[in-house]
Amino acid sequence: ALYRYTAQQADELSFEEGDNLYILDVKSDANWWKASCKGKVGLIPSNYVEESTEEVLHPLHEAAKRGNLTFLTECIKNKVSVNGLDKAGCTALHWASHAGNEDCVKELLKVVNIEINVQNKLGDTPLHSCAWKGHSEVVKMLLDKGANPSLKNNENKTPFEITNDPACAALLKPLQRTSSIMAGEEYVDSDDSE
C-alpha cells in the first residue's frame, strides 16, 4: 500500500503504508477494490494501490523460492493455496525444498491439507528436489512428515538415486528396498566353491 487507510464503513478494510494487499476483485467497482490483508477482507480505495500494483501469478511460490518467510506466512493467512501448481507443475513446497529454505518448508508443512508427494512435470517430488540439491535438513523434515522416498521421477529415479550428498544419502538409503539387490543373485555356500 502507498498510504495508510482507516476504514470509514463496515465493509472497508484498514491498512498501513507498506502493507501487502491481495486484490481479490477489481471489476465490480473501478474506485473500490475488494482486497485482503492480514487475514481480513474488505473494500479499499483503488488509488491507494493503483500505481504500484503488480500481478504475481504464484505469490506463495515466489516467497518459497526466495526464502521470504514473512511473505509466505502472509500468503498462507490470506488463503493462497499451498497445493497450487505453477507452469512447471511445482508447488511452493517444491521450490522451498529445492532452495533449502528450511523455515519456509517448516511453515508449509504446518498447513493441514498440504500434499507432500506431488510430482511436477519432470516427475520430481519435493523430496527429489531437496535430495538433488543436497539439503539434508529438508530431506529429514519431509521424511518425518511422511514423504514417500520410493516415488520415481520421469527418469525412473528415486530421491536416493539422484542425490550426491552423503547426509541425504544416509537418510534415504535405509528406506530403499533391499529386495532389488538380492534379485537374480544366487546364494553360494562356501562349501560349493571349488
N, C-alpha and C. Protein backbone atom coordinates (compact mmCIF):
# COMPACT_ATOMS: atom_id res chain seq x y z
N ALA A 1 0.83 -1.18 0.00
CA ALA A 1 0.00 0.00 0.00
C ALA A 1 0.88 1.25 0.00
N LEU A 2 0.45 2.25 -0.74
CA LEU A 2 1.20 3.50 -0.82
C LEU A 2 0.98 4.38 0.41
N TYR A 3 -0.22 4.27 1.00
CA TYR A 3 -0.59 5.12 2.13
C TYR A 3 -1.32 4.31 3.19
N ARG A 4 -1.45 4.91 4.35
CA ARG A 4 -2.26 4.34 5.43
C ARG A 4 -3.72 4.67 5.14
N TYR A 5 -4.61 3.72 5.44
CA TYR A 5 -6.04 3.98 5.24
C TYR A 5 -6.82 3.41 6.42
N THR A 6 -7.72 4.22 6.97
CA THR A 6 -8.60 3.79 8.06
C THR A 6 -10.00 3.63 7.50
N ALA A 7 -10.57 2.46 7.68
CA ALA A 7 -11.91 2.16 7.16
C ALA A 7 -12.93 3.17 7.67
N GLN A 8 -13.79 3.62 6.78
CA GLN A 8 -14.86 4.57 7.11
C GLN A 8 -16.21 3.87 7.23
N GLN A 9 -16.33 2.71 6.62
CA GLN A 9 -17.57 1.93 6.62
C GLN A 9 -17.26 0.50 7.06
N ALA A 10 -18.28 -0.24 7.45
CA ALA A 10 -18.11 -1.61 7.95
C ALA A 10 -17.53 -2.55 6.89
N ASP A 11 -17.80 -2.29 5.60
CA ASP A 11 -17.31 -3.19 4.55
C ASP A 11 -15.93 -2.80 4.00
N GLU A 12 -15.31 -1.78 4.59
CA GLU A 12 -13.98 -1.35 4.15
C GLU A 12 -12.88 -2.00 4.98
N LEU A 13 -11.68 -1.97 4.43
CA LEU A 13 -10.51 -2.60 5.05
C LEU A 13 -9.49 -1.53 5.45
N SER A 14 -9.06 -1.54 6.69
CA SER A 14 -7.99 -0.64 7.15
C SER A 14 -6.65 -1.29 6.86
N PHE A 15 -5.64 -0.47 6.53
CA PHE A 15 -4.30 -0.99 6.29
C PHE A 15 -3.29 0.12 6.53
N GLU A 16 -2.03 -0.28 6.68
CA GLU A 16 -0.93 0.65 6.93
C GLU A 16 -0.10 0.80 5.66
N GLU A 17 0.61 1.90 5.56
CA GLU A 17 1.54 2.10 4.45
C GLU A 17 2.54 0.96 4.44
N GLY A 18 2.76 0.39 3.28
CA GLY A 18 3.71 -0.71 3.14
C GLY A 18 3.11 -2.10 3.30
N ASP A 19 1.86 -2.18 3.77
CA ASP A 19 1.21 -3.49 3.90
C ASP A 19 1.05 -4.13 2.52
N ASN A 20 1.15 -5.45 2.48
CA ASN A 20 0.85 -6.19 1.26
C ASN A 20 -0.65 -6.41 1.20
N LEU A 21 -1.25 -5.95 0.13
CA LEU A 21 -2.68 -6.12 -0.08
C LEU A 21 -2.88 -7.12 -1.21
N TYR A 22 -3.76 -8.07 -1.02
CA TYR A 22 -4.07 -9.06 -2.03
C TYR A 22 -5.40 -8.67 -2.67
N ILE A 23 -5.34 -8.27 -3.92
CA ILE A 23 -6.53 -7.78 -4.62
C ILE A 23 -7.34 -8.98 -5.08
N LEU A 24 -8.60 -9.01 -4.67
CA LEU A 24 -9.48 -10.12 -5.00
C LEU A 24 -10.46 -9.79 -6.12
N ASP A 25 -10.83 -8.51 -6.27
CA ASP A 25 -11.79 -8.11 -7.29
C ASP A 25 -11.57 -6.64 -7.66
N VAL A 26 -11.34 -6.40 -8.96
CA VAL A 26 -11.18 -5.02 -9.44
C VAL A 26 -12.29 -4.65 -10.42
N LYS A 27 -13.13 -5.59 -10.77
CA LYS A 27 -14.13 -5.38 -11.82
C LYS A 27 -15.44 -4.78 -11.32
N SER A 28 -15.83 -5.09 -10.11
CA SER A 28 -17.13 -4.64 -9.60
C SER A 28 -17.24 -3.12 -9.52
N ASP A 29 -16.16 -2.47 -9.08
CA ASP A 29 -16.16 -1.00 -8.95
C ASP A 29 -14.72 -0.53 -9.17
N ALA A 30 -14.52 0.32 -10.17
CA ALA A 30 -13.17 0.79 -10.50
C ALA A 30 -12.53 1.61 -9.38
N ASN A 31 -13.34 2.22 -8.53
CA ASN A 31 -12.81 3.06 -7.45
C ASN A 31 -12.57 2.30 -6.14
N TRP A 32 -13.26 1.20 -5.96
CA TRP A 32 -13.15 0.41 -4.73
C TRP A 32 -12.88 -1.05 -5.08
N TRP A 33 -11.73 -1.53 -4.66
CA TRP A 33 -11.35 -2.91 -4.95
C TRP A 33 -11.55 -3.75 -3.70
N LYS A 34 -11.94 -4.99 -3.91
CA LYS A 34 -12.03 -5.94 -2.81
C LYS A 34 -10.63 -6.52 -2.60
N ALA A 35 -10.16 -6.48 -1.36
CA ALA A 35 -8.80 -6.93 -1.07
C ALA A 35 -8.76 -7.64 0.28
N SER A 36 -7.65 -8.33 0.52
CA SER A 36 -7.43 -8.92 1.84
C SER A 36 -6.05 -8.50 2.34
N CYS A 37 -5.96 -8.39 3.65
CA CYS A 37 -4.71 -8.00 4.29
C CYS A 37 -4.74 -8.53 5.72
N LYS A 38 -3.70 -9.25 6.09
CA LYS A 38 -3.59 -9.78 7.46
C LYS A 38 -4.81 -10.59 7.87
N GLY A 39 -5.33 -11.37 6.92
CA GLY A 39 -6.44 -12.26 7.21
C GLY A 39 -7.81 -11.62 7.18
N LYS A 40 -7.90 -10.32 6.89
CA LYS A 40 -9.20 -9.63 6.83
C LYS A 40 -9.50 -9.25 5.39
N VAL A 41 -10.79 -9.19 5.05
CA VAL A 41 -11.22 -8.86 3.70
C VAL A 41 -12.13 -7.63 3.75
N GLY A 42 -11.99 -6.74 2.77
CA GLY A 42 -12.85 -5.57 2.68
C GLY A 42 -12.54 -4.74 1.45
N LEU A 43 -13.23 -3.64 1.31
CA LEU A 43 -13.03 -2.74 0.18
C LEU A 43 -11.94 -1.72 0.50
N ILE A 44 -11.14 -1.41 -0.53
CA ILE A 44 -10.08 -0.40 -0.38
C ILE A 44 -10.19 0.60 -1.53
N PRO A 45 -9.78 1.85 -1.31
CA PRO A 45 -9.78 2.81 -2.42
C PRO A 45 -8.66 2.43 -3.40
N SER A 46 -9.03 2.25 -4.67
CA SER A 46 -8.07 1.77 -5.67
C SER A 46 -6.89 2.71 -5.86
N ASN A 47 -7.08 4.02 -5.65
CA ASN A 47 -5.99 4.96 -5.87
C ASN A 47 -4.90 4.85 -4.80
N TYR A 48 -5.12 4.10 -3.74
CA TYR A 48 -4.10 3.91 -2.70
C TYR A 48 -3.08 2.85 -3.12
N VAL A 49 -3.41 2.05 -4.11
CA VAL A 49 -2.51 0.97 -4.53
C VAL A 49 -2.25 0.94 -6.02
N GLU A 50 -3.05 1.62 -6.77
CA GLU A 50 -3.06 1.54 -8.22
C GLU A 50 -1.68 1.68 -8.87
N GLU A 51 -0.90 2.66 -8.45
CA GLU A 51 0.37 2.96 -9.10
C GLU A 51 1.41 1.85 -8.95
N SER A 52 1.33 1.09 -7.89
CA SER A 52 2.35 0.06 -7.67
C SER A 52 1.79 -1.35 -7.72
N THR A 53 0.61 -1.50 -8.30
CA THR A 53 0.03 -2.83 -8.40
C THR A 53 0.83 -3.69 -9.37
N GLU A 54 1.19 -4.86 -8.92
CA GLU A 54 1.94 -5.79 -9.75
C GLU A 54 1.31 -7.17 -9.60
N GLU A 55 0.99 -7.77 -10.72
CA GLU A 55 0.39 -9.10 -10.66
C GLU A 55 1.49 -10.13 -10.44
N VAL A 56 1.31 -10.93 -9.41
CA VAL A 56 2.22 -12.03 -9.14
C VAL A 56 1.38 -13.29 -9.29
N LEU A 57 1.68 -14.07 -10.32
CA LEU A 57 0.85 -15.24 -10.61
C LEU A 57 0.88 -16.28 -9.50
N HIS A 58 2.02 -16.49 -8.91
CA HIS A 58 2.17 -17.51 -7.87
C HIS A 58 2.92 -16.92 -6.68
N PRO A 59 2.26 -16.08 -5.88
CA PRO A 59 2.96 -15.39 -4.79
C PRO A 59 3.57 -16.33 -3.76
N LEU A 60 2.89 -17.42 -3.45
CA LEU A 60 3.42 -18.36 -2.47
C LEU A 60 4.69 -19.03 -3.00
N HIS A 61 4.68 -19.38 -4.28
CA HIS A 61 5.86 -19.99 -4.91
C HIS A 61 7.05 -19.03 -4.87
N GLU A 62 6.78 -17.76 -5.18
CA GLU A 62 7.85 -16.75 -5.17
C GLU A 62 8.44 -16.58 -3.77
N ALA A 63 7.58 -16.55 -2.77
CA ALA A 63 8.06 -16.43 -1.39
C ALA A 63 8.89 -17.64 -1.00
N ALA A 64 8.44 -18.83 -1.40
CA ALA A 64 9.15 -20.07 -1.07
C ALA A 64 10.52 -20.12 -1.75
N LYS A 65 10.58 -19.72 -3.02
CA LYS A 65 11.84 -19.71 -3.78
C LYS A 65 12.87 -18.80 -3.12
N ARG A 66 12.43 -17.64 -2.67
CA ARG A 66 13.33 -16.62 -2.16
C ARG A 66 13.58 -16.72 -0.65
N GLY A 67 12.85 -17.61 0.00
CA GLY A 67 13.02 -17.74 1.45
C GLY A 67 12.42 -16.59 2.21
N ASN A 68 11.40 -15.95 1.64
CA ASN A 68 10.74 -14.81 2.28
C ASN A 68 9.64 -15.34 3.20
N LEU A 69 10.01 -15.67 4.43
CA LEU A 69 9.09 -16.28 5.38
C LEU A 69 7.92 -15.36 5.72
N THR A 70 8.17 -14.08 5.85
CA THR A 70 7.10 -13.13 6.18
C THR A 70 6.03 -13.12 5.09
N PHE A 71 6.45 -13.03 3.84
CA PHE A 71 5.51 -13.01 2.72
C PHE A 71 4.81 -14.36 2.59
N LEU A 72 5.55 -15.45 2.78
CA LEU A 72 4.97 -16.79 2.71
C LEU A 72 3.87 -16.95 3.76
N THR A 73 4.15 -16.54 4.98
CA THR A 73 3.17 -16.63 6.06
C THR A 73 1.94 -15.77 5.75
N GLU A 74 2.17 -14.59 5.21
CA GLU A 74 1.07 -13.70 4.83
C GLU A 74 0.20 -14.36 3.74
N CYS A 75 0.84 -15.00 2.77
CA CYS A 75 0.09 -15.70 1.72
C CYS A 75 -0.78 -16.80 2.31
N ILE A 76 -0.22 -17.58 3.23
CA ILE A 76 -0.97 -18.67 3.85
C ILE A 76 -2.15 -18.11 4.64
N LYS A 77 -1.92 -17.04 5.40
CA LYS A 77 -3.01 -16.41 6.16
C LYS A 77 -4.12 -15.90 5.25
N ASN A 78 -3.73 -15.49 4.04
CA ASN A 78 -4.71 -14.98 3.08
C ASN A 78 -5.25 -16.08 2.17
N LYS A 79 -5.06 -17.31 2.61
CA LYS A 79 -5.65 -18.49 1.97
C LYS A 79 -5.18 -18.74 0.53
N VAL A 80 -3.94 -18.37 0.23
CA VAL A 80 -3.35 -18.76 -1.05
C VAL A 80 -3.09 -20.26 -0.95
N SER A 81 -3.53 -21.03 -1.93
CA SER A 81 -3.44 -22.49 -1.87
C SER A 81 -1.99 -22.97 -1.81
N VAL A 82 -1.70 -23.81 -0.83
CA VAL A 82 -0.36 -24.39 -0.71
C VAL A 82 -0.14 -25.49 -1.75
N ASN A 83 -1.23 -25.98 -2.35
CA ASN A 83 -1.13 -27.05 -3.33
C ASN A 83 -1.25 -26.56 -4.77
N GLY A 84 -1.27 -25.23 -4.97
CA GLY A 84 -1.35 -24.67 -6.32
C GLY A 84 -0.10 -25.02 -7.11
N LEU A 85 -0.28 -25.24 -8.42
CA LEU A 85 0.83 -25.62 -9.29
C LEU A 85 1.20 -24.46 -10.21
N ASP A 86 2.50 -24.29 -10.43
CA ASP A 86 2.95 -23.30 -11.41
C ASP A 86 3.07 -23.98 -12.78
N LYS A 87 3.61 -23.28 -13.77
CA LYS A 87 3.66 -23.84 -15.13
C LYS A 87 4.55 -25.08 -15.24
N ALA A 88 5.46 -25.28 -14.29
CA ALA A 88 6.31 -26.47 -14.28
C ALA A 88 5.67 -27.61 -13.49
N GLY A 89 4.48 -27.35 -12.94
CA GLY A 89 3.80 -28.37 -12.14
C GLY A 89 4.32 -28.45 -10.72
N CYS A 90 5.04 -27.43 -10.29
CA CYS A 90 5.62 -27.40 -8.94
C CYS A 90 4.69 -26.70 -7.96
N THR A 91 4.76 -27.16 -6.71
CA THR A 91 4.08 -26.48 -5.61
C THR A 91 5.10 -25.57 -4.92
N ALA A 92 4.62 -24.76 -4.00
CA ALA A 92 5.54 -23.92 -3.21
C ALA A 92 6.52 -24.80 -2.43
N LEU A 93 6.06 -25.98 -2.00
CA LEU A 93 6.94 -26.89 -1.26
C LEU A 93 8.09 -27.39 -2.13
N HIS A 94 7.84 -27.61 -3.42
CA HIS A 94 8.93 -27.97 -4.34
C HIS A 94 10.02 -26.88 -4.30
N TRP A 95 9.58 -25.62 -4.42
CA TRP A 95 10.54 -24.51 -4.52
C TRP A 95 11.28 -24.28 -3.20
N ALA A 96 10.58 -24.34 -2.09
CA ALA A 96 11.23 -24.17 -0.79
C ALA A 96 12.23 -25.29 -0.55
N SER A 97 11.87 -26.52 -0.95
CA SER A 97 12.75 -27.68 -0.79
C SER A 97 13.97 -27.56 -1.68
N HIS A 98 13.76 -27.16 -2.93
CA HIS A 98 14.84 -27.00 -3.90
C HIS A 98 15.86 -25.97 -3.42
N ALA A 99 15.36 -24.89 -2.83
CA ALA A 99 16.24 -23.81 -2.37
C ALA A 99 16.83 -24.08 -0.99
N GLY A 100 16.31 -25.09 -0.29
CA GLY A 100 16.81 -25.38 1.05
C GLY A 100 16.33 -24.38 2.08
N ASN A 101 15.21 -23.73 1.82
CA ASN A 101 14.67 -22.74 2.74
C ASN A 101 13.90 -23.44 3.87
N GLU A 102 14.65 -23.85 4.88
CA GLU A 102 14.10 -24.66 5.97
C GLU A 102 12.93 -24.02 6.69
N ASP A 103 13.01 -22.72 6.98
CA ASP A 103 11.91 -22.04 7.67
C ASP A 103 10.64 -22.07 6.84
N CYS A 104 10.77 -21.87 5.54
CA CYS A 104 9.60 -21.90 4.66
C CYS A 104 9.03 -23.31 4.57
N VAL A 105 9.90 -24.32 4.46
CA VAL A 105 9.43 -25.71 4.43
C VAL A 105 8.67 -26.02 5.71
N LYS A 106 9.25 -25.65 6.85
CA LYS A 106 8.62 -25.89 8.15
C LYS A 106 7.23 -25.25 8.21
N GLU A 107 7.12 -24.02 7.74
CA GLU A 107 5.83 -23.30 7.76
C GLU A 107 4.82 -23.97 6.82
N LEU A 108 5.26 -24.36 5.64
CA LEU A 108 4.37 -25.03 4.69
C LEU A 108 3.88 -26.37 5.25
N LEU A 109 4.76 -27.10 5.92
CA LEU A 109 4.38 -28.41 6.47
C LEU A 109 3.38 -28.31 7.61
N LYS A 110 3.21 -27.12 8.18
CA LYS A 110 2.21 -26.92 9.24
C LYS A 110 0.79 -26.89 8.68
N VAL A 111 0.66 -26.61 7.38
CA VAL A 111 -0.66 -26.49 6.77
C VAL A 111 -1.27 -27.89 6.66
N VAL A 112 -2.46 -28.04 7.23
CA VAL A 112 -3.10 -29.35 7.36
C VAL A 112 -3.26 -30.10 6.04
N ASN A 113 -3.70 -29.45 5.00
CA ASN A 113 -4.02 -30.16 3.75
C ASN A 113 -2.89 -30.18 2.72
N ILE A 114 -1.66 -29.91 3.13
CA ILE A 114 -0.56 -29.86 2.16
C ILE A 114 -0.30 -31.25 1.59
N GLU A 115 -0.08 -31.29 0.28
CA GLU A 115 0.25 -32.53 -0.42
C GLU A 115 1.77 -32.56 -0.56
N ILE A 116 2.42 -33.51 0.11
CA ILE A 116 3.89 -33.51 0.10
C ILE A 116 4.50 -34.41 -0.97
N ASN A 117 3.69 -35.24 -1.61
CA ASN A 117 4.21 -36.15 -2.63
C ASN A 117 3.80 -35.77 -4.05
N VAL A 118 3.46 -34.51 -4.27
CA VAL A 118 3.07 -34.05 -5.61
C VAL A 118 4.27 -34.18 -6.54
N GLN A 119 4.03 -34.74 -7.73
CA GLN A 119 5.09 -34.84 -8.73
C GLN A 119 4.89 -33.76 -9.79
N ASN A 120 5.96 -33.04 -10.09
CA ASN A 120 5.89 -31.99 -11.11
C ASN A 120 5.97 -32.60 -12.51
N LYS A 121 6.11 -31.78 -13.53
CA LYS A 121 6.13 -32.29 -14.91
C LYS A 121 7.32 -33.21 -15.19
N LEU A 122 8.38 -33.09 -14.40
CA LEU A 122 9.54 -33.98 -14.53
C LEU A 122 9.40 -35.23 -13.67
N GLY A 123 8.30 -35.29 -12.92
CA GLY A 123 8.07 -36.42 -12.03
C GLY A 123 8.72 -36.26 -10.67
N ASP A 124 9.38 -35.14 -10.45
CA ASP A 124 10.07 -34.91 -9.17
C ASP A 124 9.08 -34.48 -8.09
N THR A 125 9.30 -35.00 -6.89
CA THR A 125 8.56 -34.58 -5.70
C THR A 125 9.42 -33.54 -4.97
N PRO A 126 8.89 -32.88 -3.96
CA PRO A 126 9.74 -32.00 -3.16
C PRO A 126 10.95 -32.76 -2.56
N LEU A 127 10.77 -34.04 -2.25
CA LEU A 127 11.87 -34.85 -1.71
C LEU A 127 12.97 -35.02 -2.77
N HIS A 128 12.60 -35.23 -4.02
CA HIS A 128 13.60 -35.28 -5.10
C HIS A 128 14.37 -33.95 -5.16
N SER A 129 13.62 -32.85 -5.08
CA SER A 129 14.23 -31.52 -5.23
C SER A 129 15.30 -31.24 -4.18
N CYS A 130 14.99 -31.53 -2.92
CA CYS A 130 15.98 -31.24 -1.87
C CYS A 130 17.10 -32.27 -1.84
N ALA A 131 16.80 -33.52 -2.19
CA ALA A 131 17.85 -34.55 -2.24
C ALA A 131 18.87 -34.20 -3.33
N TRP A 132 18.37 -33.78 -4.49
CA TRP A 132 19.25 -33.43 -5.61
C TRP A 132 20.15 -32.25 -5.26
N LYS A 133 19.61 -31.28 -4.53
CA LYS A 133 20.39 -30.09 -4.16
C LYS A 133 21.22 -30.30 -2.89
N GLY A 134 21.05 -31.43 -2.20
CA GLY A 134 21.86 -31.71 -1.02
C GLY A 134 21.40 -31.04 0.25
N HIS A 135 20.12 -30.79 0.39
CA HIS A 135 19.58 -30.14 1.58
C HIS A 135 19.07 -31.20 2.56
N SER A 136 20.00 -31.77 3.34
CA SER A 136 19.67 -32.90 4.21
C SER A 136 18.66 -32.57 5.30
N GLU A 137 18.69 -31.36 5.84
CA GLU A 137 17.72 -30.99 6.88
C GLU A 137 16.30 -30.99 6.32
N VAL A 138 16.17 -30.54 5.09
CA VAL A 138 14.85 -30.53 4.44
C VAL A 138 14.42 -31.96 4.13
N VAL A 139 15.36 -32.80 3.69
CA VAL A 139 15.06 -34.22 3.46
C VAL A 139 14.49 -34.83 4.74
N LYS A 140 15.14 -34.57 5.86
CA LYS A 140 14.69 -35.10 7.15
C LYS A 140 13.28 -34.60 7.50
N MET A 141 13.04 -33.30 7.31
CA MET A 141 11.71 -32.73 7.62
C MET A 141 10.62 -33.40 6.78
N LEU A 142 10.89 -33.58 5.49
CA LEU A 142 9.89 -34.18 4.61
C LEU A 142 9.65 -35.64 4.96
N LEU A 143 10.72 -36.37 5.25
CA LEU A 143 10.56 -37.78 5.65
C LEU A 143 9.77 -37.89 6.95
N ASP A 144 10.08 -37.03 7.90
CA ASP A 144 9.36 -37.03 9.18
C ASP A 144 7.87 -36.74 8.99
N LYS A 145 7.55 -36.01 7.94
CA LYS A 145 6.14 -35.65 7.67
C LYS A 145 5.46 -36.69 6.77
N GLY A 146 6.21 -37.72 6.36
CA GLY A 146 5.60 -38.81 5.59
C GLY A 146 5.84 -38.80 4.10
N ALA A 147 6.84 -38.06 3.63
CA ALA A 147 7.16 -38.06 2.20
C ALA A 147 7.55 -39.47 1.77
N ASN A 148 7.14 -39.86 0.57
CA ASN A 148 7.39 -41.20 0.05
C ASN A 148 8.73 -41.24 -0.69
N PRO A 149 9.75 -41.92 -0.12
CA PRO A 149 11.07 -41.97 -0.75
C PRO A 149 11.16 -42.95 -1.92
N SER A 150 10.11 -43.72 -2.15
CA SER A 150 10.13 -44.72 -3.22
C SER A 150 9.58 -44.20 -4.55
N LEU A 151 8.98 -43.01 -4.55
CA LEU A 151 8.44 -42.48 -5.80
C LEU A 151 9.56 -42.20 -6.78
N LYS A 152 9.33 -42.58 -8.04
CA LYS A 152 10.33 -42.38 -9.08
C LYS A 152 9.90 -41.25 -10.01
N ASN A 153 10.89 -40.50 -10.47
CA ASN A 153 10.61 -39.41 -11.41
C ASN A 153 10.53 -39.95 -12.84
N ASN A 154 10.42 -39.07 -13.82
CA ASN A 154 10.29 -39.48 -15.22
C ASN A 154 11.54 -40.18 -15.75
N GLU A 155 12.65 -40.05 -15.04
CA GLU A 155 13.88 -40.76 -15.41
C GLU A 155 14.01 -42.07 -14.64
N ASN A 156 12.91 -42.45 -13.97
CA ASN A 156 12.83 -43.69 -13.20
C ASN A 156 13.81 -43.72 -12.03
N LYS A 157 14.02 -42.55 -11.40
CA LYS A 157 14.96 -42.43 -10.28
C LYS A 157 14.24 -42.00 -9.02
N THR A 158 14.66 -42.58 -7.90
CA THR A 158 14.16 -42.19 -6.58
C THR A 158 15.02 -41.04 -6.06
N PRO A 159 14.60 -40.38 -5.01
CA PRO A 159 15.44 -39.32 -4.42
C PRO A 159 16.84 -39.84 -4.03
N PHE A 160 16.92 -41.06 -3.51
CA PHE A 160 18.21 -41.65 -3.14
C PHE A 160 19.14 -41.75 -4.36
N GLU A 161 18.56 -42.10 -5.50
CA GLU A 161 19.36 -42.32 -6.71
C GLU A 161 19.86 -41.03 -7.36
N ILE A 162 19.29 -39.89 -6.99
CA ILE A 162 19.74 -38.63 -7.62
C ILE A 162 20.59 -37.75 -6.70
N THR A 163 20.71 -38.13 -5.44
CA THR A 163 21.50 -37.29 -4.53
C THR A 163 22.98 -37.60 -4.63
N ASN A 164 23.80 -36.58 -4.48
CA ASN A 164 25.25 -36.74 -4.39
C ASN A 164 25.75 -36.37 -3.01
N ASP A 165 24.81 -36.01 -2.14
CA ASP A 165 25.15 -35.56 -0.80
C ASP A 165 25.14 -36.75 0.17
N PRO A 166 26.26 -37.00 0.87
CA PRO A 166 26.32 -38.14 1.79
C PRO A 166 25.27 -38.10 2.91
N ALA A 167 24.98 -36.91 3.43
CA ALA A 167 23.99 -36.80 4.50
C ALA A 167 22.59 -37.15 3.99
N CYS A 168 22.26 -36.68 2.79
CA CYS A 168 20.96 -37.03 2.19
C CYS A 168 20.90 -38.53 1.91
N ALA A 169 21.98 -39.07 1.35
CA ALA A 169 22.02 -40.50 1.04
C ALA A 169 21.84 -41.34 2.30
N ALA A 170 22.47 -40.92 3.39
CA ALA A 170 22.35 -41.66 4.66
C ALA A 170 20.90 -41.67 5.16
N LEU A 171 20.19 -40.57 4.97
CA LEU A 171 18.79 -40.51 5.39
C LEU A 171 17.89 -41.35 4.49
N LEU A 172 18.21 -41.39 3.20
CA LEU A 172 17.35 -42.06 2.23
C LEU A 172 17.69 -43.53 2.02
N LYS A 173 18.95 -43.93 2.22
CA LYS A 173 19.38 -45.30 1.93
C LYS A 173 18.64 -46.35 2.73
N PRO A 174 18.46 -46.19 4.03
CA PRO A 174 17.76 -47.24 4.78
C PRO A 174 16.33 -47.46 4.28
N LEU A 175 15.82 -46.52 3.53
CA LEU A 175 14.44 -46.60 3.07
C LEU A 175 14.31 -47.28 1.71
N GLN A 176 15.45 -47.59 1.07
CA GLN A 176 15.40 -48.27 -0.22
C GLN A 176 15.07 -49.74 0.00
N ARG A 177 14.42 -50.32 -0.96
CA ARG A 177 14.07 -51.73 -0.86
C ARG A 177 15.30 -52.58 -1.14
N THR A 178 15.59 -53.49 -0.24
CA THR A 178 16.76 -54.34 -0.42
C THR A 178 16.43 -55.54 -1.30
N SER A 179 15.17 -55.81 -1.56
CA SER A 179 14.79 -56.96 -2.38
C SER A 179 15.36 -56.85 -3.79
N SER A 180 15.49 -55.64 -4.33
CA SER A 180 16.01 -55.48 -5.69
C SER A 180 17.50 -55.82 -5.75
N ILE A 181 18.21 -55.69 -4.66
CA ILE A 181 19.64 -56.01 -4.62
C ILE A 181 19.83 -57.53 -4.71
N MET A 182 18.96 -58.27 -4.04
CA MET A 182 19.09 -59.72 -4.00
C MET A 182 18.50 -60.39 -5.24
N ALA A 183 17.69 -59.73 -5.99
CA ALA A 183 17.03 -60.32 -7.15
C ALA A 183 18.07 -60.79 -8.17
N GLY A 184 17.93 -62.03 -8.59
CA GLY A 184 18.80 -62.56 -9.62
C GLY A 184 20.14 -63.09 -9.11
N GLU A 185 20.46 -62.89 -7.88
CA GLU A 185 21.72 -63.38 -7.34
C GLU A 185 21.48 -64.73 -6.67
N GLU A 186 22.36 -65.66 -6.95
CA GLU A 186 22.24 -66.96 -6.30
C GLU A 186 23.07 -66.96 -5.04
N TYR A 187 22.58 -67.67 -4.06
CA TYR A 187 23.33 -67.82 -2.82
C TYR A 187 24.39 -68.88 -3.06
N VAL A 188 25.63 -68.56 -2.77
CA VAL A 188 26.73 -69.51 -2.94
C VAL A 188 27.29 -69.84 -1.58
N ASP A 189 27.18 -71.08 -1.19
CA ASP A 189 27.70 -71.55 0.09
C ASP A 189 29.21 -71.73 -0.06
N SER A 190 29.94 -71.55 1.00
CA SER A 190 31.40 -71.68 0.94
C SER A 190 31.82 -73.10 0.58
N ASP A 191 30.96 -74.09 0.87
CA ASP A 191 31.28 -75.47 0.52
C ASP A 191 31.13 -75.72 -0.98
N ASP A 192 30.32 -74.91 -1.66
CA ASP A 192 30.07 -75.09 -3.08
C ASP A 192 31.18 -74.53 -3.95
N SER A 193 32.02 -73.70 -3.41
CA SER A 193 33.05 -73.06 -4.24
C SER A 193 34.31 -73.89 -4.26
N GLU A 194 34.66 -74.38 -5.44
CA GLU A 194 35.89 -75.15 -5.58
C GLU A 194 36.71 -74.63 -6.69
